[in-house]
Every structure is written in structure tokens, then in C-alpha cells.
Amino acid sequence: MTKSIRLWAGFALATVAAFSQSPSVTETKSYGGAAVSIKYASPRVNGRAGKIFSADGLISHDRTYPVWRAGANSATALHTEADLNLGGLVVPKGDYTLFVELSNPGQWQLVVSKQTGQWGLSYSAANDLGRVKMTMAKPAELVENLKYTLTGEGKKGTLQLEWENVKASVPVEVK
């Protein structure tokens, strides 16, 4: 009995440690009085610089590749209190999941999925609300932790994803 309890406790501690390596983060911004938020788990590069997005890199081993859950653990969630124009895609107010299609390293596409609540290891294009091209850039220095930022003033701004040696963004506008 004692051995079982120790095994269970060890498993529980290992599980907590694994999840804390990619902490949960929520980025929120108000556009025209309406909140837009992105909830995601933020993985670290952790010594794998140049080995995240390469052809045989970490992401290429995901089951859904070349579509990536755009975070770790649970799928990345988007919530909007108002209808949005996201890089030309009309996104009605509500809840969505964000993925990134990265088959072309120089031209990623942000995928907005109507399916919500999944872990992030399953993806079906049948659930896509739509896809938008992202503006690609290279950050000034290595970005250790995946991060999303929402910036802007009034009803317009930018949704930006940065990790490792990549920065990708799309314009956001509240309708």
C-alpha cells in the first residue's frame, strides 16, 4: 500500500512539473470597449534554438503538422466580446481555437477554428472558421518563451505571436 501511495505521489509531482514547464498565460486587450483575449500555454525554447520550426524540428513531430496548436498543452483559445475583422476574416463574437498552418516557413497562416475545448492534439479543417496570412518577421533576439501580444488603440490593433526566431502577426479590428 505504501509503495502504491509513493508511486502515485511521484506521478502527481511529475505531472505538475511537466505542466509548469509551459505555464498558462492569458493576454487581454480592450478594443473599442470590447475585450479580446488569448489563453495559451507558453513553452520554452530550452536550448533548442533553431530546432523548433525547422523541417525536422520539434513542431514537425506533432500529429497535426503542418498545422500547429500554437502553444503547448491545451489548444490556444481566443475569446472576443465583439465581432472582429482578423486580417480580413470576419470572426463573430464568441470562443474559438487558434492554430497556425506552417507548411510555408515564409508565409504562415493563422487558423481560426470553431471547435473549442480540445487538448490541441487533434485538428480538423472541417471546423475552420477561416485562415488568414500572417506578416512574418524575425525578432531582434531569441524569444525564449512563446508569447502572444495584443496591441493597438481604439478599435484597431495587432495580434502577434513570437517564439524562438519567428514573429508573426495579423491586424485586428473590432466591428
Protein backbone atom coordinates (compact mmCIF):
# COMPACT_ATOMS: atom_id res chain seq x y z
CA MET A 1 0.00 0.00 0.00
CA THR A 2 2.75 2.44 0.93
CA LYS A 3 4.57 1.68 -2.32
CA SER A 4 1.38 2.47 -4.28
CA ILE A 5 0.98 5.78 -2.50
CA ARG A 6 4.61 6.72 -3.22
CA LEU A 7 4.21 5.79 -6.89
CA TRP A 8 1.03 7.84 -7.16
CA ALA A 9 2.66 10.82 -5.41
CA GLY A 10 5.68 10.60 -7.71
CA PHE A 11 3.42 10.52 -10.77
CA ALA A 12 1.44 13.51 -9.49
CA LEU A 13 4.61 15.55 -8.88
CA ALA A 14 5.99 14.66 -12.32
CA THR A 15 2.70 15.71 -13.93
CA VAL A 16 2.70 19.06 -12.12
CA ALA A 17 6.35 19.64 -13.09
CA ALA A 18 5.62 18.86 -16.75
CA PHE A 19 2.74 21.34 -16.91
CA SER A 20 4.63 24.10 -15.09
CA GLN A 21 7.30 23.97 -17.83
CA SER A 22 4.73 25.55 -20.15
CA PRO A 23 2.80 27.89 -17.85
CA SER A 24 -0.67 29.10 -18.70
CA VAL A 25 -0.83 32.72 -19.85
CA THR A 26 -3.75 34.99 -20.77
CA GLU A 27 -3.22 38.08 -22.92
CA THR A 28 -6.17 40.52 -22.92
CA LYS A 29 -6.72 43.83 -24.67
CA SER A 30 -9.76 46.07 -24.97
CA TYR A 31 -10.59 47.33 -28.46
CA GLY A 32 -13.37 49.90 -28.62
CA GLY A 33 -14.58 48.76 -25.19
CA ALA A 34 -14.72 45.06 -26.13
CA ALA A 35 -12.26 42.59 -24.59
CA VAL A 36 -10.28 40.22 -26.77
CA SER A 37 -8.25 37.55 -25.01
CA ILE A 38 -5.90 34.72 -25.91
CA LYS A 39 -5.30 31.93 -23.40
CA TYR A 40 -2.35 29.65 -24.12
CA ALA A 41 0.40 27.55 -22.56
CA SER A 42 3.82 29.10 -23.12
CA PRO A 43 6.57 26.58 -23.94
CA ARG A 44 10.26 27.47 -23.70
CA VAL A 45 12.96 27.09 -26.34
CA ASN A 46 15.03 25.45 -23.60
CA GLY A 47 18.27 25.02 -25.54
CA ARG A 48 16.53 24.03 -28.79
CA ALA A 49 17.22 27.24 -30.73
CA GLY A 50 16.99 26.52 -34.45
CA LYS A 51 15.25 23.22 -33.72
CA ILE A 52 11.66 24.35 -33.14
CA PHE A 53 10.34 25.30 -36.59
CA SER A 54 12.94 23.65 -38.85
CA ALA A 55 11.87 20.93 -41.32
CA ASP A 56 12.74 18.18 -38.84
CA GLY A 57 12.26 20.35 -35.73
CA LEU A 58 10.11 19.90 -32.65
CA ILE A 59 6.84 21.09 -34.22
CA SER A 60 7.24 18.82 -37.27
CA HIS A 61 6.64 15.83 -34.98
CA ASP A 62 3.18 16.97 -33.88
CA ARG A 63 0.31 14.75 -35.05
CA THR A 64 -1.41 17.69 -36.71
CA TYR A 65 1.67 19.03 -38.55
CA PRO A 66 1.82 21.24 -40.62
CA VAL A 67 -0.98 22.69 -38.50
CA TRP A 68 0.30 23.55 -35.02
CA ARG A 69 -1.75 24.21 -31.89
CA ALA A 70 0.20 27.46 -31.45
CA GLY A 71 1.16 26.74 -27.86
CA ALA A 72 1.54 23.76 -25.57
CA ASN A 73 -0.81 21.58 -23.53
CA SER A 74 -4.40 22.75 -24.16
CA ALA A 75 -5.17 24.29 -27.53
CA THR A 76 -4.77 28.07 -27.72
CA ALA A 77 -8.10 29.78 -27.04
CA LEU A 78 -9.41 33.05 -28.46
CA HIS A 79 -12.33 34.88 -26.84
CA THR A 80 -13.85 38.04 -28.25
CA GLU A 81 -16.70 40.12 -26.83
CA ALA A 82 -17.35 41.74 -30.20
CA ASP A 83 -17.26 40.81 -33.87
CA LEU A 84 -13.72 41.11 -35.25
CA ASN A 85 -12.02 41.56 -38.56
CA LEU A 86 -8.92 39.44 -38.11
CA GLY A 87 -6.65 40.04 -41.08
CA GLY A 88 -9.65 40.09 -43.43
CA LEU A 89 -11.52 37.20 -41.76
CA VAL A 90 -14.81 38.12 -40.07
CA VAL A 91 -14.85 36.48 -36.63
CA PRO A 92 -18.23 36.75 -34.83
CA LYS A 93 -18.07 37.40 -31.08
CA GLY A 94 -17.53 34.19 -29.13
CA ASP A 95 -14.95 31.50 -28.44
CA TYR A 96 -12.51 29.88 -30.87
CA THR A 97 -9.30 27.89 -31.03
CA LEU A 98 -6.22 29.24 -32.76
CA PHE A 99 -3.84 27.12 -34.80
CA VAL A 100 -1.04 28.11 -37.15
CA GLU A 101 -0.51 26.46 -40.52
CA LEU A 102 3.24 26.50 -41.13
CA SER A 103 3.88 24.43 -44.25
CA ASN A 104 5.44 27.53 -45.87
CA PRO A 105 8.09 28.83 -43.43
CA GLY A 106 7.98 32.28 -45.01
CA GLN A 107 4.18 32.62 -45.01
CA TRP A 108 2.32 31.23 -42.03
CA GLN A 109 -1.47 31.25 -41.83
CA LEU A 110 -3.44 31.86 -38.66
CA VAL A 111 -6.23 29.28 -38.46
CA VAL A 112 -9.38 30.18 -36.51
CA SER A 113 -11.29 27.03 -35.57
CA LYS A 114 -14.88 26.87 -34.36
CA GLN A 115 -14.08 23.77 -32.30
CA THR A 116 -13.19 24.66 -28.70
CA GLY A 117 -12.09 22.87 -25.56
CA GLN A 118 -9.75 20.36 -27.16
CA TRP A 119 -6.31 19.49 -25.89
CA GLY A 120 -4.63 20.62 -29.09
CA LEU A 121 -3.54 17.25 -30.41
CA SER A 122 -6.46 16.94 -32.78
CA TYR A 123 -7.34 19.20 -35.66
CA SER A 124 -9.92 19.04 -38.43
CA ALA A 125 -10.08 21.59 -41.26
CA ALA A 126 -13.84 20.96 -41.33
CA ASN A 127 -14.05 23.07 -38.14
CA ASP A 128 -12.17 26.06 -39.58
CA LEU A 129 -13.93 29.39 -39.50
CA GLY A 130 -11.13 30.52 -41.78
CA ARG A 131 -7.44 31.22 -42.33
CA VAL A 132 -5.51 34.45 -42.73
CA LYS A 133 -1.97 35.15 -43.90
CA MET A 134 0.37 36.34 -41.19
CA THR A 135 3.03 39.01 -41.61
CA MET A 136 6.36 37.34 -40.91
CA ALA A 137 9.44 38.91 -39.29
CA LYS A 138 12.46 37.93 -37.27
CA PRO A 139 12.68 39.22 -33.69
CA ALA A 140 15.77 41.24 -32.69
CA GLU A 141 16.86 38.38 -30.43
CA LEU A 142 15.84 34.85 -29.49
CA VAL A 143 12.39 34.72 -27.83
CA GLU A 144 12.74 32.07 -25.11
CA ASN A 145 9.07 31.80 -24.09
CA LEU A 146 6.23 31.68 -26.60
CA LYS A 147 4.23 34.85 -26.23
CA TYR A 148 1.16 36.44 -27.75
CA THR A 149 0.63 40.17 -27.60
CA LEU A 150 -2.41 42.25 -28.45
CA THR A 151 -1.54 45.88 -29.16
CA GLY A 152 -3.23 48.93 -30.60
CA GLU A 153 -5.55 51.81 -29.81
CA GLY A 154 -9.26 52.40 -30.25
CA LYS A 155 -10.85 49.70 -32.40
CA LYS A 156 -7.68 48.62 -34.26
CA GLY A 157 -4.56 46.75 -33.35
CA THR A 158 -2.36 43.73 -33.92
CA LEU A 159 -2.32 40.13 -32.72
CA GLN A 160 1.29 38.94 -32.61
CA LEU A 161 2.91 35.58 -31.84
CA GLU A 162 6.64 35.35 -31.06
CA TRP A 163 8.79 32.33 -30.29
CA GLU A 164 12.34 31.24 -30.96
CA ASN A 165 13.41 33.14 -34.11
CA VAL A 166 9.94 33.94 -35.51
CA LYS A 167 7.50 36.81 -35.16
CA ALA A 168 4.14 36.52 -36.94
CA SER A 169 1.23 38.96 -36.78
CA VAL A 170 -2.21 39.83 -38.14
CA PRO A 171 -4.22 43.06 -37.89
CA VAL A 172 -7.24 43.11 -35.56
CA GLU A 173 -10.23 45.41 -35.82
CA VAL A 174 -13.43 45.42 -33.76
CA LYS A 175 -16.51 45.80 -35.95
